[in-house]
Amino acid sequence: MKSMYRIRLRLLLPAAIVLSQLISPALAAVAQTQTFPAKFSRDESLLLEQVVCGQKYGMALAEIDARAFEANASAANYADVKCRPHARLEGQPLYYVAQCVRSAKQWSCAQAELETLVQLRQRQLVMRPGSLDPKLAYQAVQKISGYGYFQAKSLDAALQSTCNLGQGETPDLIEISCQHWAITVSFWCPATEPKTPCPRVIFMGERR
């Protein structure tokens, strides 16, 4: 059975998918477009499992959420692919995710990203640490969630799934992007202000 599975994948991969690691322009429109559950064949599932999870990371598929831009469409326009966890971070699963877009009969997938769940006081937050050390990103998000407010804006309300993190302009800065909010956190904390929580939130803005 395993040999037949491998043969099947070798036949499918060259014919049906574009292994570009470039993000398709269509991905930018996905978040702003109403979508509907779509049919997804077993062959397509095997294909994206191998491309996103198997080839580079040696992991199996956890789930695929296939969506279409029209109700009752005959084929999916894009699919969110989630791999099985390969490690744990602060007791939460650490796994890879990627979004793949279909054009005609070909699929192109964005670069897979690490994703995990951050345990906040009363809920869990989906977080992607990006280029940051996952543990540092986890601890920073968890800590600032308990600060309450920054310049009369609720940090807890701004931290809504999914949050993407990245390095700021200087090594001490972390940029956090969560749906409609952008937050900048600094790990540089003045010694003259020992009562100020560290890391510090130094910017918070809403995107409209």
N, C-alpha and C. Protein backbone atom coordinates (compact mmCIF):
# COMPACT_ATOMS: atom_id res chain seq x y z
N MET A 1 0.82 -1.21 0.00
CA MET A 1 0.00 0.00 0.00
C MET A 1 0.86 1.26 0.00
N LYS A 2 1.95 1.26 0.80
CA LYS A 2 2.79 2.44 0.87
C LYS A 2 3.45 2.73 -0.47
N SER A 3 3.89 1.67 -1.17
CA SER A 3 4.54 1.89 -2.46
C SER A 3 3.54 2.45 -3.47
N MET A 4 2.30 1.97 -3.45
CA MET A 4 1.27 2.49 -4.34
C MET A 4 0.99 3.95 -4.04
N TYR A 5 1.00 4.30 -2.74
CA TYR A 5 0.77 5.68 -2.31
C TYR A 5 1.85 6.60 -2.87
N ARG A 6 3.12 6.15 -2.78
CA ARG A 6 4.23 6.96 -3.27
C ARG A 6 4.18 7.10 -4.79
N ILE A 7 3.84 6.03 -5.49
CA ILE A 7 3.73 6.09 -6.95
C ILE A 7 2.64 7.07 -7.36
N ARG A 8 1.53 7.04 -6.64
CA ARG A 8 0.41 7.92 -6.95
C ARG A 8 0.82 9.38 -6.79
N LEU A 9 1.55 9.68 -5.73
CA LEU A 9 2.00 11.05 -5.51
C LEU A 9 2.97 11.50 -6.59
N ARG A 10 3.88 10.61 -6.99
CA ARG A 10 4.85 10.97 -8.03
C ARG A 10 4.14 11.29 -9.35
N LEU A 11 3.03 10.63 -9.61
CA LEU A 11 2.27 10.90 -10.82
C LEU A 11 1.50 12.20 -10.72
N LEU A 12 1.01 12.51 -9.53
CA LEU A 12 0.17 13.69 -9.36
C LEU A 12 0.97 14.98 -9.28
N LEU A 13 2.08 14.96 -8.58
CA LEU A 13 2.81 16.19 -8.29
C LEU A 13 3.21 16.99 -9.52
N PRO A 14 3.86 16.41 -10.53
CA PRO A 14 4.29 17.22 -11.65
C PRO A 14 3.14 17.79 -12.46
N ALA A 15 2.04 17.06 -12.49
CA ALA A 15 0.96 17.45 -13.39
C ALA A 15 0.01 18.47 -12.80
N ALA A 16 -0.10 18.52 -11.48
CA ALA A 16 -1.20 19.28 -10.91
C ALA A 16 -0.82 20.44 -10.03
N ILE A 17 0.45 20.65 -9.73
CA ILE A 17 0.77 21.71 -8.78
C ILE A 17 2.00 22.49 -9.17
N VAL A 18 1.99 23.76 -8.86
CA VAL A 18 3.15 24.62 -9.09
C VAL A 18 3.84 24.82 -7.76
N LEU A 19 5.06 24.37 -7.65
CA LEU A 19 5.79 24.46 -6.39
C LEU A 19 6.59 25.76 -6.34
N SER A 20 5.91 26.87 -6.42
CA SER A 20 6.59 28.15 -6.40
C SER A 20 6.70 28.58 -4.96
N GLN A 21 7.21 28.89 -4.19
CA GLN A 21 7.09 29.31 -2.82
C GLN A 21 6.72 30.79 -2.78
N LEU A 22 6.22 31.32 -3.89
CA LEU A 22 5.80 32.71 -3.95
C LEU A 22 4.33 32.80 -3.62
N ILE A 23 3.94 33.83 -2.91
CA ILE A 23 2.53 34.01 -2.56
C ILE A 23 1.79 34.51 -3.78
N SER A 24 0.75 33.81 -4.16
CA SER A 24 -0.05 34.21 -5.32
C SER A 24 -0.78 35.51 -5.03
N PRO A 25 -0.92 36.40 -6.02
CA PRO A 25 -1.67 37.64 -5.82
C PRO A 25 -3.10 37.39 -5.37
N ALA A 26 -3.63 36.22 -5.69
CA ALA A 26 -5.01 35.91 -5.30
C ALA A 26 -5.17 35.82 -3.80
N LEU A 27 -4.10 35.52 -3.07
CA LEU A 27 -4.21 35.39 -1.62
C LEU A 27 -4.63 36.69 -0.96
N ALA A 28 -4.22 37.81 -1.52
CA ALA A 28 -4.52 39.10 -0.91
C ALA A 28 -6.01 39.38 -0.90
N ALA A 29 -6.73 38.82 -1.86
CA ALA A 29 -8.17 39.08 -1.95
C ALA A 29 -8.99 38.14 -1.09
N VAL A 30 -8.41 37.04 -0.64
CA VAL A 30 -9.16 36.02 0.08
C VAL A 30 -9.80 36.56 1.34
N ALA A 31 -9.03 37.31 2.14
CA ALA A 31 -9.53 37.79 3.43
C ALA A 31 -10.66 38.79 3.28
N GLN A 32 -10.80 39.42 2.09
CA GLN A 32 -11.81 40.44 1.90
C GLN A 32 -13.00 39.94 1.09
N THR A 33 -13.06 38.67 0.80
CA THR A 33 -14.10 38.11 -0.05
C THR A 33 -14.90 37.06 0.71
N GLN A 34 -16.22 37.09 0.54
CA GLN A 34 -17.06 36.06 1.15
C GLN A 34 -16.77 34.73 0.48
N THR A 35 -16.60 33.70 1.29
CA THR A 35 -16.27 32.38 0.74
C THR A 35 -17.25 31.33 1.26
N PHE A 36 -17.22 30.16 0.60
CA PHE A 36 -18.14 29.08 0.93
C PHE A 36 -17.37 27.76 0.98
N PRO A 37 -17.83 26.81 1.80
CA PRO A 37 -17.18 25.49 1.81
C PRO A 37 -17.20 24.88 0.41
N ALA A 38 -16.12 24.20 0.06
CA ALA A 38 -16.01 23.66 -1.30
C ALA A 38 -15.61 22.19 -1.28
N LYS A 39 -15.93 21.51 -2.37
CA LYS A 39 -15.54 20.11 -2.52
C LYS A 39 -14.02 20.02 -2.71
N PHE A 40 -13.46 18.94 -2.18
CA PHE A 40 -12.01 18.75 -2.28
C PHE A 40 -11.75 17.27 -2.43
N SER A 41 -11.11 16.89 -3.52
CA SER A 41 -10.90 15.48 -3.81
C SER A 41 -9.78 14.89 -2.95
N ARG A 42 -9.77 13.58 -2.86
CA ARG A 42 -8.70 12.90 -2.12
C ARG A 42 -7.34 13.13 -2.79
N ASP A 43 -7.33 13.14 -4.12
CA ASP A 43 -6.08 13.39 -4.83
C ASP A 43 -5.52 14.77 -4.48
N GLU A 44 -6.40 15.78 -4.43
CA GLU A 44 -5.96 17.13 -4.08
C GLU A 44 -5.46 17.17 -2.64
N SER A 45 -6.15 16.46 -1.76
CA SER A 45 -5.74 16.41 -0.36
C SER A 45 -4.35 15.78 -0.22
N LEU A 46 -4.11 14.67 -0.89
CA LEU A 46 -2.80 14.02 -0.86
C LEU A 46 -1.72 14.93 -1.42
N LEU A 47 -2.08 15.65 -2.46
CA LEU A 47 -1.16 16.55 -3.12
C LEU A 47 -0.68 17.65 -2.19
N LEU A 48 -1.63 18.37 -1.58
CA LEU A 48 -1.28 19.49 -0.71
C LEU A 48 -0.64 19.02 0.59
N GLU A 49 -1.03 17.83 1.05
CA GLU A 49 -0.36 17.27 2.23
C GLU A 49 1.13 17.09 1.96
N GLN A 50 1.46 16.56 0.80
CA GLN A 50 2.85 16.31 0.47
C GLN A 50 3.61 17.62 0.26
N VAL A 51 3.00 18.57 -0.42
CA VAL A 51 3.67 19.83 -0.73
C VAL A 51 3.91 20.67 0.53
N VAL A 52 2.88 20.84 1.35
CA VAL A 52 2.98 21.72 2.51
C VAL A 52 3.64 21.03 3.70
N CYS A 53 3.26 19.78 3.96
CA CYS A 53 3.69 19.11 5.19
C CYS A 53 4.79 18.07 5.00
N GLY A 54 4.69 17.30 3.94
CA GLY A 54 5.56 16.13 3.80
C GLY A 54 6.93 16.38 3.23
N GLN A 55 7.01 17.09 2.11
CA GLN A 55 8.28 17.23 1.40
C GLN A 55 9.37 17.88 2.24
N LYS A 56 9.06 18.98 2.90
CA LYS A 56 10.06 19.74 3.64
C LYS A 56 10.15 19.34 5.11
N TYR A 57 9.01 19.03 5.71
CA TYR A 57 8.98 18.83 7.16
C TYR A 57 8.77 17.38 7.58
N GLY A 58 8.39 16.52 6.65
CA GLY A 58 8.16 15.12 6.99
C GLY A 58 6.97 14.90 7.90
N MET A 59 5.99 15.80 7.83
CA MET A 59 4.82 15.71 8.69
C MET A 59 3.59 15.31 7.88
N ALA A 60 2.60 14.78 8.58
CA ALA A 60 1.34 14.41 7.96
C ALA A 60 0.35 15.56 8.06
N LEU A 61 -0.72 15.45 7.31
CA LEU A 61 -1.76 16.47 7.30
C LEU A 61 -2.65 16.36 8.53
N ALA A 62 -3.02 17.50 9.09
CA ALA A 62 -4.01 17.53 10.18
C ALA A 62 -5.39 17.82 9.61
N GLU A 63 -5.49 18.89 8.81
CA GLU A 63 -6.78 19.22 8.22
C GLU A 63 -6.61 20.19 7.06
N ILE A 64 -7.60 20.21 6.19
CA ILE A 64 -7.66 21.16 5.08
C ILE A 64 -9.03 21.82 5.08
N ASP A 65 -9.05 23.13 5.02
CA ASP A 65 -10.30 23.88 4.89
C ASP A 65 -10.36 24.44 3.47
N ALA A 66 -11.11 23.77 2.61
CA ALA A 66 -11.22 24.17 1.21
C ALA A 66 -12.39 25.13 1.05
N ARG A 67 -12.16 26.24 0.32
CA ARG A 67 -13.18 27.27 0.18
C ARG A 67 -13.31 27.69 -1.28
N ALA A 68 -14.49 28.19 -1.63
CA ALA A 68 -14.76 28.71 -2.98
C ALA A 68 -15.40 30.08 -2.86
N PHE A 69 -15.28 30.87 -3.92
CA PHE A 69 -15.85 32.21 -3.92
C PHE A 69 -17.33 32.22 -4.30
N GLU A 70 -17.84 31.06 -4.75
CA GLU A 70 -19.25 30.94 -5.10
C GLU A 70 -19.86 29.74 -4.38
N ALA A 71 -21.11 29.86 -4.00
CA ALA A 71 -21.80 28.75 -3.35
C ALA A 71 -21.99 27.60 -4.34
N ASN A 72 -21.87 26.38 -3.84
CA ASN A 72 -22.05 25.17 -4.65
C ASN A 72 -21.09 25.10 -5.84
N ALA A 73 -19.90 25.64 -5.68
CA ALA A 73 -18.90 25.59 -6.75
C ALA A 73 -18.42 24.16 -6.95
N SER A 74 -18.01 23.85 -8.17
CA SER A 74 -17.56 22.49 -8.48
C SER A 74 -16.14 22.23 -7.99
N ALA A 75 -15.39 23.30 -7.70
CA ALA A 75 -14.01 23.14 -7.24
C ALA A 75 -13.64 24.27 -6.29
N ALA A 76 -12.68 24.01 -5.43
CA ALA A 76 -12.22 25.02 -4.47
C ALA A 76 -11.34 26.05 -5.16
N ASN A 77 -11.42 27.30 -4.68
CA ASN A 77 -10.52 28.35 -5.17
C ASN A 77 -9.24 28.42 -4.34
N TYR A 78 -9.37 28.12 -3.06
CA TYR A 78 -8.18 28.11 -2.20
C TYR A 78 -8.39 27.14 -1.05
N ALA A 79 -7.32 26.84 -0.36
CA ALA A 79 -7.40 25.90 0.77
C ALA A 79 -6.40 26.30 1.84
N ASP A 80 -6.85 26.30 3.08
CA ASP A 80 -5.96 26.49 4.23
C ASP A 80 -5.51 25.11 4.69
N VAL A 81 -4.21 24.89 4.68
CA VAL A 81 -3.64 23.58 5.00
C VAL A 81 -2.94 23.64 6.35
N LYS A 82 -3.27 22.69 7.21
CA LYS A 82 -2.68 22.62 8.55
C LYS A 82 -2.02 21.26 8.74
N CYS A 83 -0.75 21.28 9.13
CA CYS A 83 -0.01 20.03 9.37
C CYS A 83 -0.19 19.58 10.82
N ARG A 84 0.11 18.32 11.05
CA ARG A 84 0.06 17.82 12.43
C ARG A 84 1.18 18.45 13.26
N PRO A 85 0.98 18.61 14.56
CA PRO A 85 2.01 19.21 15.42
C PRO A 85 3.30 18.40 15.41
N HIS A 86 4.42 19.11 15.40
CA HIS A 86 5.73 18.46 15.45
C HIS A 86 6.45 18.72 16.76
N ALA A 87 5.89 19.61 17.59
CA ALA A 87 6.49 19.95 18.88
C ALA A 87 5.44 20.64 19.72
N ARG A 88 5.82 20.95 20.97
CA ARG A 88 4.93 21.69 21.86
C ARG A 88 5.68 22.90 22.42
N LEU A 89 4.94 23.98 22.61
CA LEU A 89 5.50 25.22 23.13
C LEU A 89 4.63 25.69 24.28
N GLU A 90 5.20 25.74 25.47
CA GLU A 90 4.45 26.13 26.66
C GLU A 90 3.17 25.30 26.79
N GLY A 91 3.28 24.02 26.45
CA GLY A 91 2.14 23.12 26.57
C GLY A 91 1.16 23.15 25.41
N GLN A 92 1.41 24.02 24.42
CA GLN A 92 0.52 24.15 23.27
C GLN A 92 1.17 23.55 22.02
N PRO A 93 0.37 23.03 21.09
CA PRO A 93 0.93 22.42 19.87
C PRO A 93 1.60 23.46 18.98
N LEU A 94 2.70 23.06 18.35
CA LEU A 94 3.42 23.90 17.39
C LEU A 94 3.36 23.18 16.05
N TYR A 95 2.86 23.84 15.03
CA TYR A 95 2.62 23.17 13.76
C TYR A 95 2.79 24.16 12.60
N TYR A 96 2.81 23.63 11.37
CA TYR A 96 2.94 24.47 10.18
C TYR A 96 1.59 24.63 9.49
N VAL A 97 1.38 25.82 8.91
CA VAL A 97 0.18 26.10 8.13
C VAL A 97 0.58 26.81 6.84
N ALA A 98 -0.24 26.68 5.83
CA ALA A 98 -0.01 27.39 4.57
C ALA A 98 -1.33 27.56 3.85
N GLN A 99 -1.39 28.58 3.02
CA GLN A 99 -2.57 28.77 2.19
C GLN A 99 -2.20 28.50 0.74
N CYS A 100 -3.04 27.73 0.07
CA CYS A 100 -2.80 27.36 -1.32
C CYS A 100 -3.95 27.87 -2.19
N VAL A 101 -3.61 28.34 -3.38
CA VAL A 101 -4.60 28.91 -4.29
C VAL A 101 -4.62 28.10 -5.58
N ARG A 102 -5.81 27.88 -6.08
CA ARG A 102 -5.99 27.12 -7.32
C ARG A 102 -6.22 28.06 -8.49
N SER A 103 -5.50 27.84 -9.57
CA SER A 103 -5.70 28.56 -10.82
C SER A 103 -5.84 27.52 -11.93
N ALA A 104 -7.04 27.45 -12.52
CA ALA A 104 -7.35 26.38 -13.48
C ALA A 104 -7.20 25.04 -12.75
N LYS A 105 -6.27 24.20 -13.17
CA LYS A 105 -6.07 22.91 -12.51
C LYS A 105 -4.78 22.86 -11.70
N GLN A 106 -4.16 24.00 -11.51
CA GLN A 106 -2.89 24.04 -10.80
C GLN A 106 -3.03 24.74 -9.45
N TRP A 107 -2.23 24.27 -8.49
CA TRP A 107 -2.22 24.86 -7.16
C TRP A 107 -0.86 25.52 -6.91
N SER A 108 -0.87 26.67 -6.28
CA SER A 108 0.36 27.30 -5.81
C SER A 108 0.21 27.57 -4.32
N CYS A 109 1.24 27.30 -3.56
CA CYS A 109 1.17 27.42 -2.10
C CYS A 109 2.15 28.46 -1.58
N ALA A 110 1.70 29.24 -0.63
CA ALA A 110 2.58 30.19 0.04
C ALA A 110 3.56 29.43 0.92
N GLN A 111 4.60 30.11 1.33
CA GLN A 111 5.57 29.52 2.26
C GLN A 111 4.86 29.11 3.55
N ALA A 112 5.09 27.90 4.00
CA ALA A 112 4.47 27.44 5.26
C ALA A 112 4.99 28.25 6.43
N GLU A 113 4.11 28.51 7.39
CA GLU A 113 4.47 29.30 8.58
C GLU A 113 4.21 28.49 9.84
N LEU A 114 5.01 28.76 10.86
CA LEU A 114 4.74 28.17 12.17
C LEU A 114 3.52 28.82 12.78
N GLU A 115 2.74 28.03 13.50
CA GLU A 115 1.57 28.54 14.18
C GLU A 115 1.41 27.81 15.50
N THR A 116 0.89 28.51 16.49
CA THR A 116 0.62 27.89 17.79
C THR A 116 -0.52 28.63 18.46
N LEU A 117 -0.92 28.16 19.63
CA LEU A 117 -1.97 28.79 20.42
C LEU A 117 -1.35 29.39 21.67
N VAL A 118 -1.67 30.64 21.94
CA VAL A 118 -1.20 31.30 23.15
C VAL A 118 -2.32 31.29 24.17
N GLN A 119 -2.03 30.78 25.36
CA GLN A 119 -3.04 30.71 26.41
C GLN A 119 -3.13 32.06 27.11
N LEU A 120 -4.23 32.78 26.89
CA LEU A 120 -4.49 34.02 27.59
C LEU A 120 -5.34 33.72 28.82
N ARG A 121 -5.79 34.73 29.51
CA ARG A 121 -6.51 34.50 30.77
C ARG A 121 -7.80 33.70 30.58
N GLN A 122 -8.58 34.06 29.58
CA GLN A 122 -9.88 33.41 29.41
C GLN A 122 -10.08 32.79 28.03
N ARG A 123 -9.03 32.74 27.23
CA ARG A 123 -9.18 32.21 25.88
C ARG A 123 -7.82 31.86 25.30
N GLN A 124 -7.86 31.27 24.11
CA GLN A 124 -6.64 30.97 23.39
C GLN A 124 -6.56 31.84 22.14
N LEU A 125 -5.35 32.26 21.81
CA LEU A 125 -5.11 33.13 20.67
C LEU A 125 -4.23 32.41 19.66
N VAL A 126 -4.63 32.41 18.40
CA VAL A 126 -3.80 31.82 17.35
C VAL A 126 -2.69 32.81 16.99
N MET A 127 -1.45 32.33 17.05
CA MET A 127 -0.30 33.20 16.82
C MET A 127 0.69 32.56 15.85
N ARG A 128 1.25 33.39 14.97
CA ARG A 128 2.33 32.97 14.07
C ARG A 128 3.57 33.80 14.39
N PRO A 129 4.61 33.17 14.94
CA PRO A 129 5.78 33.92 15.40
C PRO A 129 6.64 34.49 14.29
N GLY A 130 6.46 34.04 13.06
CA GLY A 130 7.25 34.58 11.95
C GLY A 130 8.73 34.32 12.14
N SER A 131 9.54 35.37 11.99
CA SER A 131 10.99 35.24 12.09
C SER A 131 11.49 35.23 13.53
N LEU A 132 10.60 35.44 14.49
CA LEU A 132 11.00 35.51 15.89
C LEU A 132 11.16 34.12 16.49
N ASP A 133 11.93 34.04 17.57
CA ASP A 133 11.99 32.81 18.35
C ASP A 133 10.59 32.54 18.89
N PRO A 134 10.02 31.37 18.63
CA PRO A 134 8.64 31.10 19.04
C PRO A 134 8.37 31.31 20.52
N LYS A 135 9.32 30.93 21.37
CA LYS A 135 9.11 31.09 22.81
C LYS A 135 9.08 32.55 23.20
N LEU A 136 9.97 33.36 22.61
CA LEU A 136 9.98 34.80 22.89
C LEU A 136 8.68 35.44 22.44
N ALA A 137 8.20 35.06 21.26
CA ALA A 137 6.95 35.60 20.74
C ALA A 137 5.78 35.22 21.64
N TYR A 138 5.74 33.96 22.05
CA TYR A 138 4.66 33.47 22.92
C TYR A 138 4.62 34.27 24.22
N GLN A 139 5.78 34.41 24.86
CA GLN A 139 5.84 35.08 26.15
C GLN A 139 5.49 36.56 26.04
N ALA A 140 5.91 37.19 24.94
CA ALA A 140 5.61 38.61 24.76
C ALA A 140 4.12 38.85 24.62
N VAL A 141 3.47 38.05 23.78
CA VAL A 141 2.03 38.20 23.56
C VAL A 141 1.26 37.89 24.84
N GLN A 142 1.64 36.83 25.51
CA GLN A 142 0.95 36.45 26.74
C GLN A 142 1.08 37.54 27.81
N LYS A 143 2.26 38.14 27.89
CA LYS A 143 2.48 39.15 28.93
C LYS A 143 1.72 40.44 28.66
N ILE A 144 1.81 40.95 27.42
CA ILE A 144 1.15 42.23 27.15
C ILE A 144 -0.37 42.11 27.19
N SER A 145 -0.89 40.90 27.01
CA SER A 145 -2.34 40.71 27.07
C SER A 145 -2.90 41.04 28.44
N GLY A 146 -2.03 40.98 29.45
CA GLY A 146 -2.46 41.27 30.81
C GLY A 146 -2.24 42.70 31.25
N TYR A 147 -1.76 43.55 30.34
CA TYR A 147 -1.48 44.94 30.70
C TYR A 147 -2.74 45.80 30.79
N GLY A 148 -3.84 45.33 30.23
CA GLY A 148 -5.07 46.12 30.28
C GLY A 148 -5.19 47.06 29.10
N TYR A 149 -4.77 48.31 29.30
CA TYR A 149 -4.95 49.33 28.27
C TYR A 149 -3.64 50.03 27.93
N PHE A 150 -3.55 50.50 26.68
CA PHE A 150 -2.46 51.36 26.24
C PHE A 150 -3.09 52.57 25.59
N GLN A 151 -2.88 53.74 26.20
CA GLN A 151 -3.47 54.99 25.72
C GLN A 151 -4.97 54.83 25.48
N ALA A 152 -5.64 54.28 26.48
CA ALA A 152 -7.10 54.11 26.51
C ALA A 152 -7.62 53.07 25.50
N LYS A 153 -6.72 52.27 24.92
CA LYS A 153 -7.14 51.22 23.99
C LYS A 153 -6.90 49.87 24.63
N SER A 154 -7.87 48.98 24.54
CA SER A 154 -7.79 47.66 25.17
C SER A 154 -6.86 46.74 24.39
N LEU A 155 -5.82 46.27 25.06
CA LEU A 155 -4.89 45.33 24.44
C LEU A 155 -5.56 43.97 24.23
N ASP A 156 -6.36 43.55 25.20
CA ASP A 156 -7.03 42.26 25.08
C ASP A 156 -7.98 42.24 23.89
N ALA A 157 -8.69 43.35 23.67
CA ALA A 157 -9.62 43.42 22.54
C ALA A 157 -8.87 43.44 21.21
N ALA A 158 -7.67 44.01 21.20
CA ALA A 158 -6.89 44.09 19.96
C ALA A 158 -6.25 42.76 19.60
N LEU A 159 -5.96 41.94 20.60
CA LEU A 159 -5.30 40.65 20.36
C LEU A 159 -6.35 39.60 19.97
N GLN A 160 -6.67 39.58 18.69
CA GLN A 160 -7.66 38.65 18.15
C GLN A 160 -7.01 37.80 17.06
N SER A 161 -7.35 36.53 17.04
CA SER A 161 -6.75 35.59 16.08
C SER A 161 -7.05 36.01 14.63
N THR A 162 -6.08 35.90 13.74
CA THR A 162 -4.74 35.36 13.94
C THR A 162 -3.75 36.52 14.08
N CYS A 163 -2.80 36.41 15.01
CA CYS A 163 -1.78 37.44 15.18
C CYS A 163 -0.47 37.00 14.53
N ASN A 164 0.08 37.86 13.67
CA ASN A 164 1.35 37.61 13.01
C ASN A 164 2.42 38.50 13.62
N LEU A 165 3.57 37.91 13.95
CA LEU A 165 4.65 38.65 14.59
C LEU A 165 5.86 38.73 13.67
N GLY A 166 6.68 39.76 13.90
CA GLY A 166 7.90 39.92 13.12
C GLY A 166 8.86 40.87 13.83
N GLN A 167 10.10 40.86 13.37
CA GLN A 167 11.13 41.74 13.94
C GLN A 167 10.85 43.18 13.54
N GLY A 168 11.07 44.11 14.49
CA GLY A 168 10.89 45.52 14.21
C GLY A 168 12.13 46.13 13.57
N GLU A 169 12.18 47.45 13.52
CA GLU A 169 13.30 48.14 12.88
C GLU A 169 14.61 47.95 13.62
N THR A 170 14.54 47.71 14.91
CA THR A 170 15.74 47.46 15.72
C THR A 170 15.55 46.14 16.47
N PRO A 171 16.64 45.51 16.92
CA PRO A 171 16.54 44.18 17.54
C PRO A 171 15.64 44.11 18.77
N ASP A 172 15.43 45.25 19.45
CA ASP A 172 14.61 45.22 20.67
C ASP A 172 13.12 45.33 20.38
N LEU A 173 12.75 45.53 19.11
CA LEU A 173 11.35 45.77 18.77
C LEU A 173 10.69 44.54 18.14
N ILE A 174 9.44 44.32 18.51
CA ILE A 174 8.61 43.28 17.92
C ILE A 174 7.35 43.94 17.36
N GLU A 175 7.01 43.58 16.13
CA GLU A 175 5.77 44.08 15.53
C GLU A 175 4.71 42.98 15.58
N ILE A 176 3.53 43.33 16.05
CA ILE A 176 2.42 42.38 16.16
C ILE A 176 1.25 42.90 15.32
N SER A 177 0.76 42.06 14.43
CA SER A 177 -0.37 42.43 13.57
C SER A 177 -1.51 41.45 13.80
N CYS A 178 -2.63 41.96 14.32
CA CYS A 178 -3.79 41.12 14.63
C CYS A 178 -5.04 41.73 13.99
N GLN A 179 -5.50 41.16 12.91
CA GLN A 179 -6.70 41.62 12.23
C GLN A 179 -6.65 43.13 11.98
N HIS A 180 -7.33 43.93 12.80
CA HIS A 180 -7.42 45.37 12.54
C HIS A 180 -6.41 46.20 13.34
N TRP A 181 -5.54 45.54 14.09
CA TRP A 181 -4.65 46.28 14.98
C TRP A 181 -3.18 45.98 14.72
N ALA A 182 -2.36 47.03 14.89
CA ALA A 182 -0.90 46.89 14.82
C ALA A 182 -0.34 47.34 16.16
N ILE A 183 0.53 46.52 16.73
CA ILE A 183 1.11 46.80 18.06
C ILE A 183 2.62 46.67 17.97
N THR A 184 3.33 47.64 18.54
CA THR A 184 4.79 47.57 18.61
C THR A 184 5.20 47.39 20.07
N VAL A 185 6.05 46.40 20.30
CA VAL A 185 6.52 46.07 21.65
C VAL A 185 8.03 46.24 21.70
N SER A 186 8.52 46.85 22.78
CA SER A 186 9.96 47.04 22.96
C SER A 186 10.46 46.26 24.17
N PHE A 187 11.59 45.57 23.97
CA PHE A 187 12.24 44.87 25.08
C PHE A 187 13.30 45.73 25.75
N TRP A 188 13.45 46.97 25.27
CA TRP A 188 14.35 47.91 25.95
C TRP A 188 13.54 48.64 27.00
N CYS A 189 13.90 48.46 28.25
CA CYS A 189 13.14 49.04 29.35
C CYS A 189 14.07 49.90 30.21
N PRO A 190 13.79 51.20 30.33
CA PRO A 190 14.67 52.11 31.09
C PRO A 190 14.84 51.67 32.54
N ALA A 191 16.08 51.69 33.01
CA ALA A 191 16.36 51.32 34.40
C ALA A 191 15.78 52.33 35.37
N THR A 192 15.51 53.54 34.87
CA THR A 192 14.96 54.59 35.74
C THR A 192 13.46 54.41 35.99
N GLU A 193 12.84 53.47 35.30
CA GLU A 193 11.41 53.23 35.47
C GLU A 193 11.17 51.76 35.83
N PRO A 194 11.62 51.34 37.02
CA PRO A 194 11.52 49.92 37.39
C PRO A 194 10.10 49.41 37.54
N LYS A 195 9.15 50.31 37.75
CA LYS A 195 7.76 49.89 37.93
C LYS A 195 7.02 49.69 36.61
N THR A 196 7.65 50.10 35.51
CA THR A 196 7.03 49.94 34.20
C THR A 196 7.17 48.49 33.74
N PRO A 197 6.07 47.84 33.35
CA PRO A 197 6.16 46.45 32.89
C PRO A 197 7.10 46.32 31.69
N CYS A 198 7.78 45.21 31.62
CA CYS A 198 8.71 44.96 30.52
C CYS A 198 8.43 43.55 29.97
N PRO A 199 8.28 43.40 28.66
CA PRO A 199 8.46 44.40 27.60
C PRO A 199 7.37 45.47 27.61
N ARG A 200 7.66 46.58 26.93
CA ARG A 200 6.74 47.72 26.92
C ARG A 200 5.99 47.81 25.60
N VAL A 201 4.72 48.14 25.67
CA VAL A 201 3.96 48.50 24.47
C VAL A 201 4.26 49.97 24.20
N ILE A 202 4.78 50.27 23.00
CA ILE A 202 5.13 51.66 22.69
C ILE A 202 4.28 52.24 21.56
N PHE A 203 3.52 51.39 20.89
CA PHE A 203 2.62 51.89 19.84
C PHE A 203 1.47 50.91 19.67
N MET A 204 0.31 51.49 19.37
CA MET A 204 -0.88 50.68 19.11
C MET A 204 -1.79 51.47 18.18
N GLY A 205 -2.08 50.94 17.01
CA GLY A 205 -2.90 51.65 16.06
C GLY A 205 -3.90 50.74 15.38
N GLU A 206 -5.07 51.29 15.07
CA GLU A 206 -6.12 50.52 14.41
C GLU A 206 -6.12 50.79 12.92
N ARG A 207 -6.19 49.72 12.13
CA ARG A 207 -6.26 49.85 10.68
C ARG A 207 -7.72 49.85 10.26
N ARG A 208 -8.13 50.84 9.51
CA ARG A 208 -9.54 50.95 9.10
C ARG A 208 -9.68 50.69 7.61
